[in-house]
Amino acid sequence: MTANAAGPIMTFYLIRAGLPVLELLGTGAWFFFAVNLAKLPFSAGLGLLSADSLVVDASLLPGLAVGAALGVWTIRHISRDQFERAALALGGVAAALLLL
């Protein structure tokens, strides 16, 4: 269930591969969507899905919408260099936190 911990590594790889920013973001989004979809049966089998957890998930949808809107606004207002520096810095922080 820790597959999403590979996010920083995948980001580093896609930046080095030279993908345009929107393709990089789209590739990451689709990849982790597929990974999380594949994990769904295991989560259900382990009893991690319940009516209560689905209510919590639904309550987080407004925050998801706000985050998506902020992401779209941000990506339209920063350069590729700024994006790369931010992604690499935040990926480094995330990688360091995984070591704790």
PDB file of N, CA and C in Angstrom:
ATOM      1  N   MET A   1       0.814  -1.211   0.000  1.00  0.00           N
ATOM      2  CA  MET A   1       0.000   0.000   0.000  1.00  0.00           C
ATOM      3  C   MET A   1       0.847   1.261   0.000  1.00  0.00           C
ATOM      4  N   THR A   2       2.151   1.108  -0.095  1.00  0.00           N
ATOM      5  CA  THR A   2       3.026   2.284  -0.078  1.00  0.00           C
ATOM      6  C   THR A   2       3.487   2.686  -1.481  1.00  0.00           C
ATOM      7  N   ALA A   3       2.792   2.222  -2.503  1.00  0.00           N
ATOM      8  CA  ALA A   3       3.212   2.501  -3.878  1.00  0.00           C
ATOM      9  C   ALA A   3       3.276   3.998  -4.166  1.00  0.00           C
ATOM     10  N   ASN A   4       2.414   4.797  -3.554  1.00  0.00           N
ATOM     11  CA  ASN A   4       2.430   6.237  -3.812  1.00  0.00           C
ATOM     12  C   ASN A   4       3.689   6.900  -3.256  1.00  0.00           C
ATOM     13  N   ALA A   5       4.431   6.207  -2.426  1.00  0.00           N
ATOM     14  CA  ALA A   5       5.697   6.743  -1.937  1.00  0.00           C
ATOM     15  C   ALA A   5       6.695   6.897  -3.076  1.00  0.00           C
ATOM     16  N   ALA A   6       6.428   6.290  -4.201  1.00  0.00           N
ATOM     17  CA  ALA A   6       7.298   6.410  -5.379  1.00  0.00           C
ATOM     18  C   ALA A   6       7.062   7.714  -6.133  1.00  0.00           C
ATOM     19  N   GLY A   7       6.145   8.534  -5.671  1.00  0.00           N
ATOM     20  CA  GLY A   7       5.840   9.801  -6.344  1.00  0.00           C
ATOM     21  C   GLY A   7       7.053  10.679  -6.580  1.00  0.00           C
ATOM     22  N   PRO A   8       7.885  10.935  -5.553  1.00  0.00           N
ATOM     23  CA  PRO A   8       9.068  11.764  -5.792  1.00  0.00           C
ATOM     24  C   PRO A   8      10.022  11.167  -6.816  1.00  0.00           C
ATOM     25  N   ILE A   9      10.220   9.864  -6.773  1.00  0.00           N
ATOM     26  CA  ILE A   9      11.125   9.221  -7.720  1.00  0.00           C
ATOM     27  C   ILE A   9      10.576   9.327  -9.133  1.00  0.00           C
ATOM     28  N   MET A  10       9.274   9.109  -9.285  1.00  0.00           N
ATOM     29  CA  MET A  10       8.665   9.216 -10.599  1.00  0.00           C
ATOM     30  C   MET A  10       8.757  10.654 -11.118  1.00  0.00           C
ATOM     31  N   THR A  11       8.542  11.626 -10.239  1.00  0.00           N
ATOM     32  CA  THR A  11       8.652  13.027 -10.640  1.00  0.00           C
ATOM     33  C   THR A  11      10.063  13.332 -11.119  1.00  0.00           C
ATOM     34  N   PHE A  12      11.067  12.883 -10.375  1.00  0.00           N
ATOM     35  CA  PHE A  12      12.456  13.101 -10.791  1.00  0.00           C
ATOM     36  C   PHE A  12      12.698  12.495 -12.172  1.00  0.00           C
ATOM     37  N   TYR A  13      12.211  11.260 -12.364  1.00  0.00           N
ATOM     38  CA  TYR A  13      12.404  10.579 -13.642  1.00  0.00           C
ATOM     39  C   TYR A  13      11.739  11.338 -14.791  1.00  0.00           C
ATOM     40  N   LEU A  14      10.492  11.738 -14.600  1.00  0.00           N
ATOM     41  CA  LEU A  14       9.759  12.411 -15.678  1.00  0.00           C
ATOM     42  C   LEU A  14      10.356  13.784 -15.999  1.00  0.00           C
ATOM     43  N   ILE A  15      10.882  14.473 -14.999  1.00  0.00           N
ATOM     44  CA  ILE A  15      11.554  15.746 -15.260  1.00  0.00           C
ATOM     45  C   ILE A  15      12.802  15.492 -16.094  1.00  0.00           C
ATOM     46  N   ARG A  16      13.597  14.507 -15.698  1.00  0.00           N
ATOM     47  CA  ARG A  16      14.826  14.194 -16.436  1.00  0.00           C
ATOM     48  C   ARG A  16      14.516  13.667 -17.838  1.00  0.00           C
ATOM     49  N   ALA A  17      13.354  13.057 -18.024  1.00  0.00           N
ATOM     50  CA  ALA A  17      12.957  12.566 -19.346  1.00  0.00           C
ATOM     51  C   ALA A  17      12.583  13.714 -20.276  1.00  0.00           C
ATOM     52  N   GLY A  18      12.415  14.907 -19.713  1.00  0.00           N
ATOM     53  CA  GLY A  18      12.143  16.089 -20.527  1.00  0.00           C
ATOM     54  C   GLY A  18      10.692  16.266 -20.943  1.00  0.00           C
ATOM     55  N   LEU A  19       9.782  15.611 -20.264  1.00  0.00           N
ATOM     56  CA  LEU A  19       8.370  15.780 -20.611  1.00  0.00           C
ATOM     57  C   LEU A  19       7.931  17.216 -20.371  1.00  0.00           C
ATOM     58  N   PRO A  20       7.079  17.748 -21.243  1.00  0.00           N
ATOM     59  CA  PRO A  20       6.474  19.055 -20.950  1.00  0.00           C
ATOM     60  C   PRO A  20       5.679  18.960 -19.645  1.00  0.00           C
ATOM     61  N   VAL A  21       5.519  20.088 -18.970  1.00  0.00           N
ATOM     62  CA  VAL A  21       4.912  20.101 -17.633  1.00  0.00           C
ATOM     63  C   VAL A  21       3.531  19.442 -17.621  1.00  0.00           C
ATOM     64  N   LEU A  22       2.679  19.796 -18.564  1.00  0.00           N
ATOM     65  CA  LEU A  22       1.327  19.215 -18.549  1.00  0.00           C
ATOM     66  C   LEU A  22       1.359  17.709 -18.793  1.00  0.00           C
ATOM     67  N   GLU A  23       2.254  17.244 -19.663  1.00  0.00           N
ATOM     68  CA  GLU A  23       2.376  15.805 -19.885  1.00  0.00           C
ATOM     69  C   GLU A  23       2.927  15.108 -18.643  1.00  0.00           C
ATOM     70  N   LEU A  24       3.869  15.748 -17.970  1.00  0.00           N
ATOM     71  CA  LEU A  24       4.427  15.195 -16.743  1.00  0.00           C
ATOM     72  C   LEU A  24       3.330  15.033 -15.698  1.00  0.00           C
ATOM     73  N   LEU A  25       2.545  16.079 -15.504  1.00  0.00           N
ATOM     74  CA  LEU A  25       1.459  16.022 -14.520  1.00  0.00           C
ATOM     75  C   LEU A  25       0.411  14.990 -14.915  1.00  0.00           C
ATOM     76  N   GLY A  26       0.063  14.954 -16.190  1.00  0.00           N
ATOM     77  CA  GLY A  26      -0.938  13.992 -16.654  1.00  0.00           C
ATOM     78  C   GLY A  26      -0.465  12.561 -16.527  1.00  0.00           C
ATOM     79  N   THR A  27       0.802  12.327 -16.877  1.00  0.00           N
ATOM     80  CA  THR A  27       1.363  10.977 -16.767  1.00  0.00           C
ATOM     81  C   THR A  27       1.348  10.513 -15.315  1.00  0.00           C
ATOM     82  N   GLY A  28       1.780  11.382 -14.414  1.00  0.00           N
ATOM     83  CA  GLY A  28       1.761  11.033 -12.989  1.00  0.00           C
ATOM     84  C   GLY A  28       0.357  10.771 -12.481  1.00  0.00           C
ATOM     85  N   ALA A  29      -0.582  11.634 -12.884  1.00  0.00           N
ATOM     86  CA  ALA A  29      -1.966  11.467 -12.418  1.00  0.00           C
ATOM     87  C   ALA A  29      -2.559  10.153 -12.902  1.00  0.00           C
ATOM     88  N   TRP A  30      -2.390   9.833 -14.177  1.00  0.00           N
ATOM     89  CA  TRP A  30      -2.945   8.591 -14.711  1.00  0.00           C
ATOM     90  C   TRP A  30      -2.246   7.368 -14.118  1.00  0.00           C
ATOM     91  N   PHE A  31      -0.929   7.457 -13.943  1.00  0.00           N
ATOM     92  CA  PHE A  31      -0.196   6.320 -13.379  1.00  0.00           C
ATOM     93  C   PHE A  31      -0.689   5.997 -11.978  1.00  0.00           C
ATOM     94  N   PHE A  32      -0.752   7.023 -11.112  1.00  0.00           N
ATOM     95  CA  PHE A  32      -1.168   6.755  -9.736  1.00  0.00           C
ATOM     96  C   PHE A  32      -2.657   6.465  -9.632  1.00  0.00           C
ATOM     97  N   PHE A  33      -3.468   6.954 -10.572  1.00  0.00           N
ATOM     98  CA  PHE A  33      -4.875   6.550 -10.629  1.00  0.00           C
ATOM     99  C   PHE A  33      -4.955   5.042 -10.863  1.00  0.00           C
ATOM    100  N   ALA A  34      -4.166   4.558 -11.840  1.00  0.00           N
ATOM    101  CA  ALA A  34      -4.179   3.121 -12.144  1.00  0.00           C
ATOM    102  C   ALA A  34      -3.661   2.303 -10.960  1.00  0.00           C
ATOM    103  N   VAL A  35      -2.585   2.762 -10.329  1.00  0.00           N
ATOM    104  CA  VAL A  35      -2.033   2.040  -9.172  1.00  0.00           C
ATOM    105  C   VAL A  35      -3.066   1.978  -8.051  1.00  0.00           C
ATOM    106  N   ASN A  36      -3.707   3.102  -7.753  1.00  0.00           N
ATOM    107  CA  ASN A  36      -4.699   3.120  -6.678  1.00  0.00           C
ATOM    108  C   ASN A  36      -5.922   2.295  -7.023  1.00  0.00           C
ATOM    109  N   LEU A  37      -6.310   2.283  -8.285  1.00  0.00           N
ATOM    110  CA  LEU A  37      -7.431   1.450  -8.710  1.00  0.00           C
ATOM    111  C   LEU A  37      -7.088  -0.030  -8.524  1.00  0.00           C
ATOM    112  N   ALA A  38      -5.848  -0.394  -8.834  1.00  0.00           N
ATOM    113  CA  ALA A  38      -5.414  -1.780  -8.661  1.00  0.00           C
ATOM    114  C   ALA A  38      -5.386  -2.177  -7.185  1.00  0.00           C
ATOM    115  N   LYS A  39      -5.144  -1.212  -6.298  1.00  0.00           N
ATOM    116  CA  LYS A  39      -5.099  -1.499  -4.860  1.00  0.00           C
ATOM    117  C   LYS A  39      -6.484  -1.613  -4.233  1.00  0.00           C
ATOM    118  N   LEU A  40      -7.503  -1.157  -4.934  1.00  0.00           N
ATOM    119  CA  LEU A  40      -8.849  -1.128  -4.371  1.00  0.00           C
ATOM    120  C   LEU A  40      -9.347  -2.502  -3.902  1.00  0.00           C
ATOM    121  N   PRO A  41      -9.195  -3.564  -4.698  1.00  0.00           N
ATOM    122  CA  PRO A  41      -9.669  -4.879  -4.209  1.00  0.00           C
ATOM    123  C   PRO A  41      -8.941  -5.341  -2.946  1.00  0.00           C
ATOM    124  N   PHE A  42      -7.651  -5.027  -2.853  1.00  0.00           N
ATOM    125  CA  PHE A  42      -6.895  -5.416  -1.666  1.00  0.00           C
ATOM    126  C   PHE A  42      -7.368  -4.637  -0.438  1.00  0.00           C
ATOM    127  N   SER A  43      -7.632  -3.348  -0.645  1.00  0.00           N
ATOM    128  CA  SER A  43      -8.149  -2.531   0.456  1.00  0.00           C
ATOM    129  C   SER A  43      -9.487  -3.069   0.935  1.00  0.00           C
ATOM    130  N   ALA A  44     -10.336  -3.433  -0.004  1.00  0.00           N
ATOM    131  CA  ALA A  44     -11.643  -3.990   0.358  1.00  0.00           C
ATOM    132  C   ALA A  44     -11.465  -5.320   1.092  1.00  0.00           C
ATOM    133  N   GLY A  45     -10.554  -6.151   0.590  1.00  0.00           N
ATOM    134  CA  GLY A  45     -10.306  -7.446   1.222  1.00  0.00           C
ATOM    135  C   GLY A  45      -9.751  -7.332   2.628  1.00  0.00           C
ATOM    136  N   LEU A  46      -9.017  -6.262   2.882  1.00  0.00           N
ATOM    137  CA  LEU A  46      -8.456  -6.044   4.217  1.00  0.00           C
ATOM    138  C   LEU A  46      -9.426  -5.332   5.150  1.00  0.00           C
ATOM    139  N   GLY A  47     -10.613  -5.012   4.631  1.00  0.00           N
ATOM    140  CA  GLY A  47     -11.615  -4.343   5.447  1.00  0.00           C
ATOM    141  C   GLY A  47     -11.337  -2.861   5.649  1.00  0.00           C
ATOM    142  N   LEU A  48     -10.541  -2.268   4.770  1.00  0.00           N
ATOM    143  CA  LEU A  48     -10.209  -0.850   4.906  1.00  0.00           C
ATOM    144  C   LEU A  48     -11.289   0.066   4.338  1.00  0.00           C
ATOM    145  N   LEU A  49     -12.216  -0.480   3.606  1.00  0.00           N
ATOM    146  CA  LEU A  49     -13.323   0.302   3.055  1.00  0.00           C
ATOM    147  C   LEU A  49     -14.576   0.035   3.875  1.00  0.00           C
ATOM    148  N   SER A  50     -15.208   1.090   4.306  1.00  0.00           N
ATOM    149  CA  SER A  50     -16.444   0.954   5.072  1.00  0.00           C
ATOM    150  C   SER A  50     -17.336   2.150   4.743  1.00  0.00           C
ATOM    151  N   ALA A  51     -18.560   2.096   5.212  1.00  0.00           N
ATOM    152  CA  ALA A  51     -19.465   3.225   5.002  1.00  0.00           C
ATOM    153  C   ALA A  51     -18.899   4.478   5.658  1.00  0.00           C
ATOM    154  N   ASP A  52     -18.303   4.323   6.829  1.00  0.00           N
ATOM    155  CA  ASP A  52     -17.712   5.478   7.521  1.00  0.00           C
ATOM    156  C   ASP A  52     -16.552   6.077   6.727  1.00  0.00           C
ATOM    157  N   SER A  53     -15.697   5.212   6.169  1.00  0.00           N
ATOM    158  CA  SER A  53     -14.559   5.743   5.413  1.00  0.00           C
ATOM    159  C   SER A  53     -15.026   6.428   4.129  1.00  0.00           C
ATOM    160  N   LEU A  54     -16.102   5.930   3.538  1.00  0.00           N
ATOM    161  CA  LEU A  54     -16.634   6.564   2.333  1.00  0.00           C
ATOM    162  C   LEU A  54     -17.255   7.924   2.647  1.00  0.00           C
ATOM    163  N   VAL A  55     -17.841   8.059   3.827  1.00  0.00           N
ATOM    164  CA  VAL A  55     -18.388   9.356   4.254  1.00  0.00           C
ATOM    165  C   VAL A  55     -17.251  10.359   4.440  1.00  0.00           C
ATOM    166  N   VAL A  56     -16.160   9.908   5.051  1.00  0.00           N
ATOM    167  CA  VAL A  56     -14.992  10.781   5.209  1.00  0.00           C
ATOM    168  C   VAL A  56     -14.455  11.170   3.841  1.00  0.00           C
ATOM    169  N   ASP A  57     -14.345  10.196   2.941  1.00  0.00           N
ATOM    170  CA  ASP A  57     -13.877  10.484   1.575  1.00  0.00           C
ATOM    171  C   ASP A  57     -14.757  11.536   0.909  1.00  0.00           C
ATOM    172  N   ALA A  58     -16.059  11.376   1.021  1.00  0.00           N
ATOM    173  CA  ALA A  58     -16.987  12.332   0.401  1.00  0.00           C
ATOM    174  C   ALA A  58     -16.838  13.721   1.009  1.00  0.00           C
ATOM    175  N   SER A  59     -16.577  13.774   2.322  1.00  0.00           N
ATOM    176  CA  SER A  59     -16.430  15.081   2.975  1.00  0.00           C
ATOM    177  C   SER A  59     -15.171  15.812   2.520  1.00  0.00           C
ATOM    178  N   LEU A  60     -14.220  15.085   1.959  1.00  0.00           N
ATOM    179  CA  LEU A  60     -12.972  15.686   1.486  1.00  0.00           C
ATOM    180  C   LEU A  60     -13.053  16.176   0.041  1.00  0.00           C
ATOM    181  N   LEU A  61     -14.147  15.889  -0.657  1.00  0.00           N
ATOM    182  CA  LEU A  61     -14.283  16.293  -2.058  1.00  0.00           C
ATOM    183  C   LEU A  61     -14.189  17.802  -2.277  1.00  0.00           C
ATOM    184  N   PRO A  62     -14.757  18.648  -1.415  1.00  0.00           N
ATOM    185  CA  PRO A  62     -14.571  20.095  -1.624  1.00  0.00           C
ATOM    186  C   PRO A  62     -13.099  20.513  -1.574  1.00  0.00           C
ATOM    187  N   GLY A  63     -12.342  19.939  -0.676  1.00  0.00           N
ATOM    188  CA  GLY A  63     -10.913  20.229  -0.607  1.00  0.00           C
ATOM    189  C   GLY A  63     -10.180  19.775  -1.854  1.00  0.00           C
ATOM    190  N   LEU A  64     -10.606  18.645  -2.404  1.00  0.00           N
ATOM    191  CA  LEU A  64     -10.043  18.153  -3.657  1.00  0.00           C
ATOM    192  C   LEU A  64     -10.301  19.146  -4.787  1.00  0.00           C
ATOM    193  N   ALA A  65     -11.505  19.669  -4.843  1.00  0.00           N
ATOM    194  CA  ALA A  65     -11.858  20.637  -5.889  1.00  0.00           C
ATOM    195  C   ALA A  65     -11.036  21.922  -5.749  1.00  0.00           C
ATOM    196  N   VAL A  66     -10.883  22.395  -4.522  1.00  0.00           N
ATOM    197  CA  VAL A  66     -10.085  23.613  -4.291  1.00  0.00           C
ATOM    198  C   VAL A  66      -8.627  23.361  -4.675  1.00  0.00           C
ATOM    199  N   GLY A  67      -8.086  22.228  -4.288  1.00  0.00           N
ATOM    200  CA  GLY A  67      -6.710  21.889  -4.630  1.00  0.00           C
ATOM    201  C   GLY A  67      -6.494  21.778  -6.127  1.00  0.00           C
ATOM    202  N   ALA A  68      -7.452  21.174  -6.822  1.00  0.00           N
ATOM    203  CA  ALA A  68      -7.345  21.067  -8.278  1.00  0.00           C
ATOM    204  C   ALA A  68      -7.370  22.443  -8.928  1.00  0.00           C
ATOM    205  N   ALA A  69      -8.265  23.306  -8.465  1.00  0.00           N
ATOM    206  CA  ALA A  69      -8.345  24.664  -9.025  1.00  0.00           C
ATOM    207  C   ALA A  69      -7.059  25.440  -8.758  1.00  0.00           C
ATOM    208  N   LEU A  70      -6.517  25.332  -7.551  1.00  0.00           N
ATOM    209  CA  LEU A  70      -5.248  26.005  -7.239  1.00  0.00           C
ATOM    210  C   LEU A  70      -4.106  25.444  -8.086  1.00  0.00           C
ATOM    211  N   GLY A  71      -4.118  24.152  -8.326  1.00  0.00           N
ATOM    212  CA  GLY A  71      -3.095  23.533  -9.166  1.00  0.00           C
ATOM    213  C   GLY A  71      -3.153  24.037 -10.593  1.00  0.00           C
ATOM    214  N   VAL A  72      -4.348  24.131 -11.152  1.00  0.00           N
ATOM    215  CA  VAL A  72      -4.513  24.641 -12.522  1.00  0.00           C
ATOM    216  C   VAL A  72      -4.048  26.092 -12.592  1.00  0.00           C
ATOM    217  N   TRP A  73      -4.437  26.900 -11.612  1.00  0.00           N
ATOM    218  CA  TRP A  73      -4.025  28.299 -11.605  1.00  0.00           C
ATOM    219  C   TRP A  73      -2.500  28.411 -11.502  1.00  0.00           C
ATOM    220  N   THR A  74      -1.916  27.614 -10.609  1.00  0.00           N
ATOM    221  CA  THR A  74      -0.471  27.677 -10.393  1.00  0.00           C
ATOM    222  C   THR A  74       0.299  27.278 -11.638  1.00  0.00           C
ATOM    223  N   ILE A  75      -0.107  26.190 -12.274  1.00  0.00           N
ATOM    224  CA  ILE A  75       0.649  25.681 -13.423  1.00  0.00           C
ATOM    225  C   ILE A  75       0.581  26.654 -14.599  1.00  0.00           C
ATOM    226  N   ARG A  76      -0.456  27.465 -14.649  1.00  0.00           N
ATOM    227  CA  ARG A  76      -0.571  28.468 -15.715  1.00  0.00           C
ATOM    228  C   ARG A  76       0.286  29.707 -15.434  1.00  0.00           C
ATOM    229  N   HIS A  77       0.743  29.878 -14.200  1.00  0.00           N
ATOM    230  CA  HIS A  77       1.440  31.101 -13.816  1.00  0.00           C
ATOM    231  C   HIS A  77       2.909  30.905 -13.440  1.00  0.00           C
ATOM    232  N   ILE A  78       3.455  29.708 -13.638  1.00  0.00           N
ATOM    233  CA  ILE A  78       4.869  29.517 -13.342  1.00  0.00           C
ATOM    234  C   ILE A  78       5.588  28.986 -14.570  1.00  0.00           C
ATOM    235  N   SER A  79       6.863  29.259 -14.642  1.00  0.00           N
ATOM    236  CA  SER A  79       7.675  28.774 -15.761  1.00  0.00           C
ATOM    237  C   SER A  79       8.091  27.324 -15.512  1.00  0.00           C
ATOM    238  N   ARG A  80       8.596  26.691 -16.546  1.00  0.00           N
ATOM    239  CA  ARG A  80       9.076  25.312 -16.402  1.00  0.00           C
ATOM    240  C   ARG A  80      10.212  25.254 -15.379  1.00  0.00           C
ATOM    241  N   ASP A  81      11.119  26.220 -15.419  1.00  0.00           N
ATOM    242  CA  ASP A  81      12.231  26.228 -14.460  1.00  0.00           C
ATOM    243  C   ASP A  81      11.721  26.320 -13.026  1.00  0.00           C
ATOM    244  N   GLN A  82      10.745  27.186 -12.785  1.00  0.00           N
ATOM    245  CA  GLN A  82      10.169  27.309 -11.443  1.00  0.00           C
ATOM    246  C   GLN A  82       9.501  26.000 -11.033  1.00  0.00           C
ATOM    247  N   PHE A  83       8.785  25.393 -11.985  1.00  0.00           N
ATOM    248  CA  PHE A  83       8.112  24.123 -11.711  1.00  0.00           C
ATOM    249  C   PHE A  83       9.138  23.056 -11.343  1.00  0.00           C
ATOM    250  N   GLU A  84      10.208  22.954 -12.140  1.00  0.00           N
ATOM    251  CA  GLU A  84      11.221  21.934 -11.876  1.00  0.00           C
ATOM    252  C   GLU A  84      11.881  22.138 -10.517  1.00  0.00           C
ATOM    253  N   ARG A  85      12.250  23.378 -10.212  1.00  0.00           N
ATOM    254  CA  ARG A  85      12.890  23.650  -8.919  1.00  0.00           C
ATOM    255  C   ARG A  85      11.951  23.278  -7.767  1.00  0.00           C
ATOM    256  N   ALA A  86      10.676  23.671  -7.875  1.00  0.00           N
ATOM    257  CA  ALA A  86       9.707  23.359  -6.809  1.00  0.00           C
ATOM    258  C   ALA A  86       9.491  21.851  -6.695  1.00  0.00           C
ATOM    259  N   ALA A  87       9.328  21.178  -7.836  1.00  0.00           N
ATOM    260  CA  ALA A  87       9.085  19.729  -7.813  1.00  0.00           C
ATOM    261  C   ALA A  87      10.281  18.983  -7.235  1.00  0.00           C
ATOM    262  N   LEU A  88      11.485  19.376  -7.619  1.00  0.00           N
ATOM    263  CA  LEU A  88      12.671  18.703  -7.101  1.00  0.00           C
ATOM    264  C   LEU A  88      12.858  18.983  -5.611  1.00  0.00           C
ATOM    265  N   ALA A  89      12.624  20.225  -5.190  1.00  0.00           N
ATOM    266  CA  ALA A  89      12.765  20.556  -3.767  1.00  0.00           C
ATOM    267  C   ALA A  89      11.731  19.810  -2.930  1.00  0.00           C
ATOM    268  N   LEU A  90      10.470  19.841  -3.360  1.00  0.00           N
ATOM    269  CA  LEU A  90       9.417  19.157  -2.594  1.00  0.00           C
ATOM    270  C   LEU A  90       9.588  17.643  -2.653  1.00  0.00           C
ATOM    271  N   GLY A  91      10.056  17.137  -3.786  1.00  0.00           N
ATOM    272  CA  GLY A  91      10.343  15.702  -3.883  1.00  0.00           C
ATOM    273  C   GLY A  91      11.466  15.298  -2.952  1.00  0.00           C
ATOM    274  N   GLY A  92      12.474  16.154  -2.833  1.00  0.00           N
ATOM    275  CA  GLY A  92      13.559  15.885  -1.895  1.00  0.00           C
ATOM    276  C   GLY A  92      13.077  15.871  -0.452  1.00  0.00           C
ATOM    277  N   VAL A  93      12.214  16.815  -0.120  1.00  0.00           N
ATOM    278  CA  VAL A  93      11.637  16.852   1.232  1.00  0.00           C
ATOM    279  C   VAL A  93      10.825  15.573   1.479  1.00  0.00           C
ATOM    280  N   ALA A  94       9.996  15.200   0.495  1.00  0.00           N
ATOM    281  CA  ALA A  94       9.178  13.986   0.663  1.00  0.00           C
ATOM    282  C   ALA A  94      10.057  12.748   0.815  1.00  0.00           C
ATOM    283  N   ALA A  95      11.115  12.663   0.018  1.00  0.00           N
ATOM    284  CA  ALA A  95      12.020  11.520   0.124  1.00  0.00           C
ATOM    285  C   ALA A  95      12.698  11.480   1.488  1.00  0.00           C
ATOM    286  N   ALA A  96      13.106  12.640   1.978  1.00  0.00           N
ATOM    287  CA  ALA A  96      13.742  12.697   3.302  1.00  0.00           C
ATOM    288  C   ALA A  96      12.762  12.277   4.396  1.00  0.00           C
ATOM    289  N   LEU A  97      11.521  12.704   4.283  1.00  0.00           N
ATOM    290  CA  LEU A  97      10.522  12.334   5.280  1.00  0.00           C
ATOM    291  C   LEU A  97      10.237  10.839   5.276  1.00  0.00           C
ATOM    292  N   LEU A  98      10.382  10.199   4.111  1.00  0.00           N
ATOM    293  CA  LEU A  98      10.180   8.744   4.045  1.00  0.00           C
ATOM    294  C   LEU A  98      11.255   8.000   4.835  1.00  0.00           C
ATOM    295  N   LEU A  99      12.393   8.630   5.011  1.00  0.00           N
ATOM    296  CA  LEU A  99      13.480   7.979   5.747  1.00  0.00           C
ATOM    297  C   LEU A  99      13.281   8.041   7.265  1.00  0.00           C
ATOM    298  N   LEU A 100      12.363   8.894   7.698  1.00  0.00           N
ATOM    299  CA  LEU A 100      12.145   9.029   9.154  1.00  0.00           C
ATOM    300  C   LEU A 100      11.312   7.921   9.702  1.00  0.00           C
TER     301      LEU A 100
END
